[in-house]
Amino acid sequence: MNAPLNFPLNPLPAPQRRRRIALALSLALGTTLLGGFLAAYPGTAPQAMAQAAPQAMPVAVATVGAQTLQAWQGFSGRLEAVERVELRPRVAGTVHKVHFREGALVKAGDLLVSLDPAPYAVEVARQRAQLEASRARAAHAERETARAQTLWTERAIAQRELDDRLLARADAQAQVAAAQAALAAAQLNLDYTQLRAPVAGRIGKLEVTVGNQVAAGPGAPVLARLVSVSPIYASFDADERTVQQALAGAQRPEQVPVQMRSAAGEALTGRLQLVDNQVDAKSGTLRLRAVFDNADGRLTPGQFARLELGQAQQRTALLVNERAVLTDQDKRFVWVVGADDKVQWREVQLGGPANGLREVISGLKAGERIVLSGLQRVRPGSPVAPTVIAMDAKPELIGKTEAQAAPTKG
């Protein structure tokens, strides 16, 4: 006879047993309903999964290309006038009249300041009279000499008397020459009462006003200062190595390009005019001087200048738009769009600015595409819908593409 089966009897309390039964019934009912829904709408699940997949983000991209560059080194310098003149009187007198407007441009030969000419005009008249008297005495001596020569031929006078007449004639002729020189000196002093511009340029402020007495000579006061305008010098110091690199391949210093930015941001092109003949022992630098055209007078002597010294030989480099470059702590990176239109994070090493873009030293290759807009919305591996624009596209175009890429709310 079989032994009876003994099951451990540990019945659950009635409330807990009812909760378990209700949970089991709910799961069974949910499974039945889901099965019926999928049977009635067999295409709904794949469609929902497709809708859940990430959509391609529209972005603007640009293709990295190589460009030929001029290598530039930046320096600070000062502008200097090619010609600097201190207007000083060459004769003493009273300031009679001023013929210029302070700060105006003047031409070479323009009358700037007049001293009182009256005393010098009187001296010219006196010396002219002296010249006439000397000429009269010379004419008289000439006649006396001719008469003496006739009498000496007839043996009517002695040789000594003829010699005296010849000496008197020579002395009279010398007196005429001296009177002519004195008249020329007096006329020169009269001309010096008119102070004219020796060079074309910009005149400064008047230092001595009308009515003041001025002296001549080493202690003569400065009436005004005049500086030439065009061309203009820009002097700066550069280290010996940089100068050697710039001069490499150049036959003359004039072949080395120099650039300077105006106050409006315009690049002004000049040429290297001087390389000093010795290195400063303390700083290890050479004094350089470039020359720039300044026909419109925008550049002013003494003005601070930011200069760029180029190299005679050019090189090839990769350039990117700085808007494409992002920062991750101490790293710089860009979003690269692959052949499958998915973005990749790429660290780059940057060089200096060039042609309105930024040089890339490492991290990119020519022909690769980088993202210019929607940079904050893309992620590594995310698909994008790229629109190709120029690498040097204006910010307005990039901003327009970025606005189109922004997700629509609502």
Protein backbone atom coordinates (compact mmCIF):
# COMPACT_ATOMS: atom_id res chain seq x y z
CA MET A 1 0.00 0.00 0.00
CA ASN A 2 1.39 3.31 -1.04
CA ALA A 3 2.26 5.81 1.62
CA PRO A 4 0.28 9.02 1.49
CA LEU A 5 1.96 12.16 0.08
CA ASN A 6 2.73 14.66 2.73
CA PHE A 7 2.74 18.31 1.46
CA PRO A 8 3.77 21.01 3.80
CA LEU A 9 0.74 22.87 4.68
CA ASN A 10 1.50 26.62 5.03
CA PRO A 11 -1.53 28.38 3.72
CA LEU A 12 -1.19 32.12 2.92
CA PRO A 13 -3.39 34.58 4.65
CA ALA A 14 -6.54 35.36 2.75
CA PRO A 15 -5.72 39.04 1.86
CA GLN A 16 -2.28 38.22 0.42
CA ARG A 17 -3.71 35.28 -1.54
CA ARG A 18 -6.35 37.54 -3.10
CA ARG A 19 -3.69 40.13 -4.19
CA ARG A 20 -1.62 37.49 -5.95
CA ILE A 21 -4.64 36.18 -7.79
CA ALA A 22 -5.56 39.75 -8.93
CA LEU A 23 -2.00 40.40 -10.21
CA ALA A 24 -1.97 37.16 -12.18
CA LEU A 25 -5.30 37.97 -13.77
CA SER A 26 -4.07 41.50 -14.73
CA LEU A 27 -0.94 40.13 -16.44
CA ALA A 28 -2.97 37.60 -18.35
CA LEU A 29 -5.44 40.24 -19.47
CA GLY A 30 -2.65 42.65 -20.58
CA THR A 31 -0.94 39.95 -22.59
CA THR A 32 -4.21 39.05 -24.28
CA LEU A 33 -4.97 42.69 -25.18
CA LEU A 34 -1.44 43.33 -26.54
CA GLY A 35 -1.62 40.23 -28.65
CA GLY A 36 -4.96 41.29 -30.05
CA PHE A 37 -3.70 44.82 -30.78
CA LEU A 38 -0.62 43.58 -32.63
CA ALA A 39 -2.77 41.11 -34.55
CA ALA A 40 -5.17 43.87 -35.59
CA TYR A 41 -2.35 46.39 -36.48
CA PRO A 42 0.63 44.35 -37.60
CA GLY A 43 2.59 47.44 -39.00
CA THR A 44 2.35 49.60 -35.90
CA ALA A 45 5.45 48.31 -34.04
CA PRO A 46 7.99 48.75 -36.85
CA GLN A 47 6.53 52.18 -37.59
CA ALA A 48 6.88 53.24 -33.96
CA MET A 49 10.46 52.02 -33.91
CA ALA A 50 11.20 53.94 -37.08
CA GLN A 51 9.73 57.08 -35.57
CA ALA A 52 11.89 56.62 -32.49
CA ALA A 53 15.11 56.49 -34.60
CA PRO A 54 17.14 59.80 -34.60
CA GLN A 55 16.45 62.11 -37.51
CA ALA A 56 19.28 63.67 -39.56
CA MET A 57 20.02 67.17 -38.29
CA PRO A 58 20.37 69.76 -41.08
CA VAL A 59 23.77 71.48 -40.73
CA ALA A 60 26.06 73.65 -42.82
CA VAL A 61 29.39 72.07 -43.65
CA ALA A 62 32.51 73.28 -45.44
CA THR A 63 35.28 71.35 -47.11
CA VAL A 64 38.79 71.75 -45.72
CA GLY A 65 41.16 72.94 -48.43
CA ALA A 66 44.82 73.86 -48.74
CA GLN A 67 45.79 77.45 -49.50
CA THR A 68 49.06 79.15 -50.30
CA LEU A 69 50.04 81.40 -47.42
CA GLN A 70 52.57 84.05 -46.63
CA ALA A 71 54.15 83.38 -43.24
CA TRP A 72 53.74 86.41 -40.98
CA GLN A 73 55.27 87.45 -37.67
CA GLY A 74 53.62 90.18 -35.59
CA PHE A 75 55.50 93.11 -34.04
CA SER A 76 54.73 96.39 -32.32
CA GLY A 77 56.22 99.61 -33.63
CA ARG A 78 55.85 103.34 -34.10
CA LEU A 79 55.15 105.48 -37.12
CA GLU A 80 57.74 108.09 -38.04
CA ALA A 81 57.74 110.90 -40.56
CA VAL A 82 60.27 110.55 -43.35
CA GLU A 83 61.07 114.28 -43.09
CA ARG A 84 60.79 116.33 -39.89
CA VAL A 85 61.41 120.09 -39.98
CA GLU A 86 61.57 122.61 -37.16
CA LEU A 87 60.72 126.01 -38.59
CA ARG A 88 63.21 128.51 -37.12
CA PRO A 89 63.92 132.10 -38.24
CA ARG A 90 67.21 132.64 -40.05
CA VAL A 91 67.18 136.38 -39.35
CA ALA A 92 66.09 138.31 -36.29
CA GLY A 93 62.93 140.35 -36.39
CA THR A 94 59.30 140.71 -35.40
CA VAL A 95 56.67 138.13 -36.36
CA HIS A 96 54.60 140.11 -38.85
CA LYS A 97 52.03 137.64 -40.22
CA VAL A 98 51.08 133.95 -40.14
CA HIS A 99 49.95 132.43 -43.44
CA PHE A 100 48.93 128.90 -42.44
CA ARG A 101 46.17 127.17 -40.49
CA GLU A 102 47.41 124.96 -37.70
CA GLY A 103 47.24 121.27 -38.57
CA ALA A 104 46.76 121.91 -42.29
CA LEU A 105 48.51 120.21 -45.17
CA VAL A 106 51.00 122.47 -46.95
CA LYS A 107 53.02 122.14 -50.14
CA ALA A 108 56.73 122.68 -50.52
CA GLY A 109 57.40 126.40 -51.04
CA ASP A 110 54.19 127.63 -49.37
CA LEU A 111 54.62 130.84 -47.36
CA LEU A 112 54.12 130.06 -43.66
CA VAL A 113 55.34 133.01 -41.56
CA SER A 114 56.47 136.56 -42.43
CA LEU A 115 58.82 138.68 -40.31
CA ASP A 116 58.77 142.47 -40.52
CA PRO A 117 60.69 143.13 -43.79
CA ALA A 118 61.17 146.91 -43.39
CA PRO A 119 64.68 146.93 -41.82
CA TYR A 120 65.97 144.47 -44.39
CA ALA A 121 64.36 146.30 -47.29
CA VAL A 122 66.19 149.47 -46.18
CA GLU A 123 69.47 147.56 -46.07
CA VAL A 124 68.88 146.28 -49.59
CA ALA A 125 68.33 149.84 -50.80
CA ARG A 126 71.53 151.01 -49.08
CA GLN A 127 73.62 148.26 -50.56
CA ARG A 128 72.16 148.90 -53.98
CA ALA A 129 73.28 152.55 -53.69
CA GLN A 130 76.73 151.43 -52.60
CA LEU A 131 76.92 149.27 -55.69
CA GLU A 132 76.04 152.17 -57.94
CA ALA A 133 78.74 154.32 -56.30
CA SER A 134 81.30 151.56 -56.74
CA ARG A 135 80.40 151.20 -60.39
CA ALA A 136 80.80 154.96 -60.90
CA ARG A 137 84.25 154.91 -59.31
CA ALA A 138 85.19 151.93 -61.43
CA ALA A 139 84.11 153.75 -64.60
CA HIS A 140 86.16 156.79 -63.57
CA ALA A 141 89.20 154.63 -62.87
CA GLU A 142 88.79 152.99 -66.28
CA ARG A 143 88.86 156.38 -68.02
CA GLU A 144 91.87 157.54 -65.98
CA THR A 145 93.74 154.38 -66.87
CA ALA A 146 93.02 154.81 -70.60
CA ARG A 147 94.28 158.41 -70.48
CA ALA A 148 97.41 157.41 -68.61
CA GLN A 149 98.20 154.70 -71.14
CA THR A 150 97.98 157.28 -73.95
CA LEU A 151 100.27 159.70 -72.12
CA TRP A 152 102.74 156.95 -71.29
CA THR A 153 102.89 155.99 -74.97
CA GLU A 154 103.88 159.61 -75.73
CA ARG A 155 106.37 159.46 -72.85
CA ALA A 156 104.47 162.29 -71.15
CA ILE A 157 104.19 160.46 -67.80
CA ALA A 158 106.41 158.13 -65.90
CA GLN A 159 105.87 154.38 -65.64
CA ARG A 160 105.07 154.71 -61.96
CA GLU A 161 102.12 157.00 -62.65
CA LEU A 162 100.72 154.49 -65.16
CA ASP A 163 101.06 151.74 -62.58
CA ASP A 164 99.12 153.83 -60.07
CA ARG A 165 96.30 154.27 -62.58
CA LEU A 166 96.19 150.52 -63.25
CA LEU A 167 96.08 149.80 -59.51
CA ALA A 168 93.25 152.27 -59.00
CA ARG A 169 91.25 150.60 -61.78
CA ALA A 170 91.70 147.14 -60.27
CA ASP A 171 90.72 148.43 -56.83
CA ALA A 172 87.57 150.04 -58.24
CA GLN A 173 86.59 146.80 -59.96
CA ALA A 174 87.08 144.90 -56.67
CA GLN A 175 84.90 147.44 -54.89
CA VAL A 176 82.15 146.76 -57.44
CA ALA A 177 82.37 143.01 -56.75
CA ALA A 178 82.25 143.62 -52.99
CA ALA A 179 79.23 145.89 -53.36
CA GLN A 180 77.47 143.23 -55.45
CA ALA A 181 78.11 140.61 -52.73
CA ALA A 182 76.84 142.96 -50.01
CA LEU A 183 73.69 143.62 -52.02
CA ALA A 184 73.16 139.88 -52.51
CA ALA A 185 73.55 139.28 -48.75
CA ALA A 186 71.08 142.05 -47.95
CA GLN A 187 68.61 140.63 -50.47
CA LEU A 188 69.06 137.15 -48.96
CA ASN A 189 68.28 138.47 -45.47
CA LEU A 190 65.20 140.18 -46.86
CA ASP A 191 64.11 136.88 -48.41
CA TYR A 192 64.68 135.15 -45.07
CA THR A 193 61.92 137.27 -43.55
CA GLN A 194 59.54 134.98 -45.44
CA LEU A 195 59.62 131.50 -43.92
CA ARG A 196 58.47 128.93 -46.49
CA ALA A 197 57.78 125.20 -46.22
CA PRO A 198 60.93 123.30 -47.24
CA VAL A 199 58.93 120.06 -47.73
CA ALA A 200 55.33 119.08 -48.28
CA GLY A 201 53.52 117.81 -45.20
CA ARG A 202 51.36 118.69 -42.23
CA ILE A 203 52.13 121.80 -40.19
CA GLY A 204 51.71 121.74 -36.42
CA LYS A 205 50.67 124.44 -33.99
CA LEU A 206 52.14 127.94 -33.99
CA GLU A 207 54.64 128.32 -31.15
CA VAL A 208 55.23 132.11 -31.45
CA THR A 209 52.38 134.48 -32.21
CA VAL A 210 52.31 137.71 -34.21
CA GLY A 211 54.14 140.68 -32.68
CA ASN A 212 56.81 138.73 -30.83
CA GLN A 213 60.50 139.42 -31.38
CA VAL A 214 62.52 136.40 -32.48
CA ALA A 215 66.26 135.90 -32.62
CA ALA A 216 68.37 134.18 -35.25
CA GLY A 217 71.17 131.66 -34.97
CA PRO A 218 71.53 128.62 -32.66
CA GLY A 219 69.17 130.11 -30.06
CA ALA A 220 66.42 130.84 -32.54
CA PRO A 221 63.00 129.67 -31.30
CA VAL A 222 60.89 127.06 -33.09
CA LEU A 223 57.99 128.83 -34.80
CA ALA A 224 56.25 125.60 -35.90
CA ARG A 225 57.00 121.99 -36.75
CA LEU A 226 56.38 120.39 -40.12
CA VAL A 227 56.33 116.65 -40.87
CA SER A 228 56.00 114.94 -44.21
CA VAL A 229 52.90 112.80 -44.75
CA SER A 230 53.54 110.39 -47.60
CA PRO A 231 55.37 108.10 -47.54
CA ILE A 232 55.66 107.29 -43.84
CA TYR A 233 58.06 105.08 -41.88
CA ALA A 234 57.16 102.34 -39.39
CA SER A 235 60.06 101.33 -37.14
CA PHE A 236 60.09 98.16 -35.03
CA ASP A 237 62.49 95.67 -33.42
CA ALA A 238 62.68 92.00 -34.41
CA ASP A 239 64.80 89.14 -33.14
CA GLU A 240 67.73 88.04 -35.25
CA ARG A 241 66.26 84.63 -36.12
CA THR A 242 63.02 86.10 -37.43
CA VAL A 243 64.93 88.59 -39.57
CA GLN A 244 67.06 85.82 -41.05
CA GLN A 245 63.96 83.77 -41.87
CA ALA A 246 62.29 86.76 -43.50
CA LEU A 247 65.34 87.58 -45.60
CA ALA A 248 65.84 83.96 -46.70
CA GLY A 249 65.31 83.79 -50.44
CA ALA A 250 65.18 87.57 -50.84
CA GLN A 251 67.77 89.38 -52.92
CA ARG A 252 67.01 92.75 -51.31
CA PRO A 253 65.16 93.83 -48.14
CA GLU A 254 62.56 95.53 -50.36
CA GLN A 255 61.35 92.08 -51.45
CA VAL A 256 60.20 91.21 -47.92
CA PRO A 257 56.49 92.08 -47.54
CA VAL A 258 55.26 94.07 -44.55
CA GLN A 259 51.62 94.64 -43.54
CA MET A 260 49.95 96.99 -41.10
CA ARG A 261 46.31 97.31 -40.02
CA SER A 262 44.67 100.70 -40.16
CA ALA A 263 42.25 101.91 -37.49
CA ALA A 264 39.40 100.70 -39.73
CA GLY A 265 40.93 97.22 -39.96
CA GLU A 266 42.15 97.62 -43.53
CA ALA A 267 45.40 95.82 -44.37
CA LEU A 268 48.02 98.26 -45.64
CA THR A 269 50.90 96.81 -47.64
CA GLY A 270 54.39 98.24 -47.41
CA ARG A 271 57.96 97.17 -47.97
CA LEU A 272 60.99 96.69 -45.78
CA GLN A 273 63.25 99.70 -46.25
CA LEU A 274 66.02 99.28 -43.67
CA VAL A 275 67.67 96.51 -41.69
CA ASP A 276 70.09 97.95 -39.16
CA ASN A 277 73.74 96.93 -39.41
CA GLN A 278 74.14 95.68 -35.83
CA VAL A 279 72.27 93.62 -33.24
CA ASP A 280 71.39 95.17 -29.91
CA ALA A 281 73.56 93.27 -27.43
CA LYS A 282 71.05 93.62 -24.58
CA SER A 283 67.84 92.61 -26.36
CA GLY A 284 69.25 90.53 -29.22
CA THR A 285 67.07 92.41 -31.69
CA LEU A 286 67.59 94.35 -34.89
CA ARG A 287 65.96 97.66 -35.69
CA LEU A 288 63.86 97.40 -38.88
CA ARG A 289 62.09 100.12 -40.79
CA ALA A 290 59.28 99.71 -43.29
CA VAL A 291 57.80 102.34 -45.57
CA PHE A 292 54.10 102.75 -46.43
CA ASP A 293 52.20 105.01 -48.79
CA ASN A 294 50.05 107.52 -46.91
CA ALA A 295 48.53 109.67 -49.64
CA ASP A 296 45.30 110.26 -47.70
CA GLY A 297 47.16 111.22 -44.52
CA ARG A 298 45.33 108.71 -42.28
CA LEU A 299 48.57 107.58 -40.63
CA THR A 300 50.13 109.99 -38.16
CA PRO A 301 53.77 110.11 -36.99
CA GLY A 302 54.17 108.85 -33.42
CA GLN A 303 51.14 106.57 -33.73
CA PHE A 304 51.34 103.01 -32.34
CA ALA A 305 51.42 100.42 -35.12
CA ARG A 306 50.83 96.67 -35.20
CA LEU A 307 53.05 95.32 -37.97
CA GLU A 308 53.36 91.92 -39.63
CA LEU A 309 56.63 90.87 -41.23
CA GLY A 310 56.25 88.30 -43.99
CA GLN A 311 58.67 85.82 -45.51
CA ALA A 312 59.80 86.02 -49.09
CA GLN A 313 58.91 82.33 -49.65
CA GLN A 314 55.30 81.13 -49.44
CA ARG A 315 53.94 77.87 -48.01
CA THR A 316 50.81 75.72 -48.16
CA ALA A 317 48.49 75.32 -45.15
CA LEU A 318 45.00 74.07 -44.22
CA LEU A 319 42.55 76.79 -43.17
CA VAL A 320 39.22 76.51 -41.36
CA ASN A 321 36.54 78.90 -40.20
CA GLU A 322 36.99 79.72 -36.51
CA ARG A 323 33.23 79.22 -35.97
CA ALA A 324 33.79 75.49 -36.50
CA VAL A 325 36.30 75.23 -33.64
CA LEU A 326 34.97 74.32 -30.18
CA THR A 327 36.73 74.03 -26.83
CA ASP A 328 36.63 71.07 -24.45
CA GLN A 329 38.62 72.08 -21.37
CA ASP A 330 42.15 72.56 -22.76
CA LYS A 331 41.43 70.89 -26.11
CA ARG A 332 40.23 72.34 -29.40
CA PHE A 333 38.04 70.16 -31.59
CA VAL A 334 35.77 70.17 -34.63
CA TRP A 335 32.88 68.01 -35.82
CA VAL A 336 33.94 66.05 -38.92
CA VAL A 337 31.23 64.67 -41.23
CA GLY A 338 32.16 61.29 -42.62
CA ALA A 339 31.16 59.65 -45.88
CA ASP A 340 28.09 58.18 -44.13
CA ASP A 341 26.98 61.70 -43.09
CA LYS A 342 27.63 60.97 -39.43
CA VAL A 343 29.64 63.31 -37.26
CA GLN A 344 32.88 62.47 -35.52
CA TRP A 345 34.71 64.34 -32.74
CA ARG A 346 38.19 65.36 -33.89
CA GLU A 347 40.84 67.17 -31.85
CA VAL A 348 42.83 69.79 -33.79
CA GLN A 349 45.89 71.92 -33.20
CA LEU A 350 45.56 75.49 -34.43
CA GLY A 351 48.03 77.98 -35.80
CA GLY A 352 47.64 81.68 -36.38
CA PRO A 353 45.02 83.61 -38.36
CA ALA A 354 45.42 83.82 -42.13
CA ASN A 355 43.21 85.21 -44.90
CA GLY A 356 40.31 85.67 -42.47
CA LEU A 357 40.46 82.00 -41.40
CA ARG A 358 42.52 79.98 -38.91
CA GLU A 359 45.38 77.68 -39.80
CA VAL A 360 45.13 74.03 -38.72
CA ILE A 361 48.50 72.49 -37.91
CA SER A 362 47.24 68.95 -37.21
CA GLY A 363 44.03 66.94 -36.89
CA LEU A 364 42.49 67.46 -40.33
CA LYS A 365 43.19 66.55 -43.93
CA ALA A 366 42.33 68.33 -47.13
CA GLY A 367 38.94 67.27 -48.51
CA GLU A 368 37.33 66.50 -45.14
CA ARG A 369 34.04 68.18 -44.24
CA ILE A 370 33.52 70.01 -40.96
CA VAL A 371 30.34 71.37 -39.37
CA LEU A 372 29.89 75.16 -39.28
CA SER A 373 26.34 75.44 -37.89
CA GLY A 374 24.27 73.55 -35.33
CA LEU A 375 27.46 72.73 -33.44
CA GLN A 376 25.75 72.45 -30.04
CA ARG A 377 23.08 70.00 -31.26
CA VAL A 378 25.20 67.32 -32.90
CA ARG A 379 26.70 64.38 -31.03
CA PRO A 380 29.34 61.80 -31.95
CA GLY A 381 27.80 59.30 -34.35
CA SER A 382 24.62 61.30 -34.94
CA PRO A 383 23.44 61.55 -38.58
CA VAL A 384 23.26 64.94 -40.27
CA ALA A 385 21.84 66.39 -43.48
CA PRO A 386 24.78 68.51 -44.69
CA THR A 387 24.48 71.66 -46.79
CA VAL A 388 27.84 72.59 -48.29
CA ILE A 389 28.87 76.26 -48.04
CA ALA A 390 32.17 78.07 -48.48
CA MET A 391 34.71 77.87 -45.67
CA ASP A 392 34.93 81.66 -45.59
CA ALA A 393 31.14 82.15 -45.75
CA LYS A 394 29.83 85.26 -44.06
CA PRO A 395 28.36 84.89 -40.56
CA GLU A 396 24.92 85.84 -41.91
CA LEU A 397 24.86 82.80 -44.20
CA ILE A 398 26.09 80.50 -41.44
CA GLY A 399 23.51 81.94 -39.04
CA LYS A 400 20.73 81.43 -41.57
CA THR A 401 21.67 77.78 -41.97
CA GLU A 402 21.87 77.40 -38.21
CA ALA A 403 18.37 78.86 -37.83
CA GLN A 404 17.05 76.35 -40.34
CA ALA A 405 18.71 73.58 -38.36
CA ALA A 406 17.02 74.60 -35.09
CA PRO A 407 14.18 72.23 -34.08
CA THR A 408 10.68 73.64 -34.46
CA LYS A 409 8.72 74.00 -31.22
CA GLY A 410 5.04 73.15 -30.99
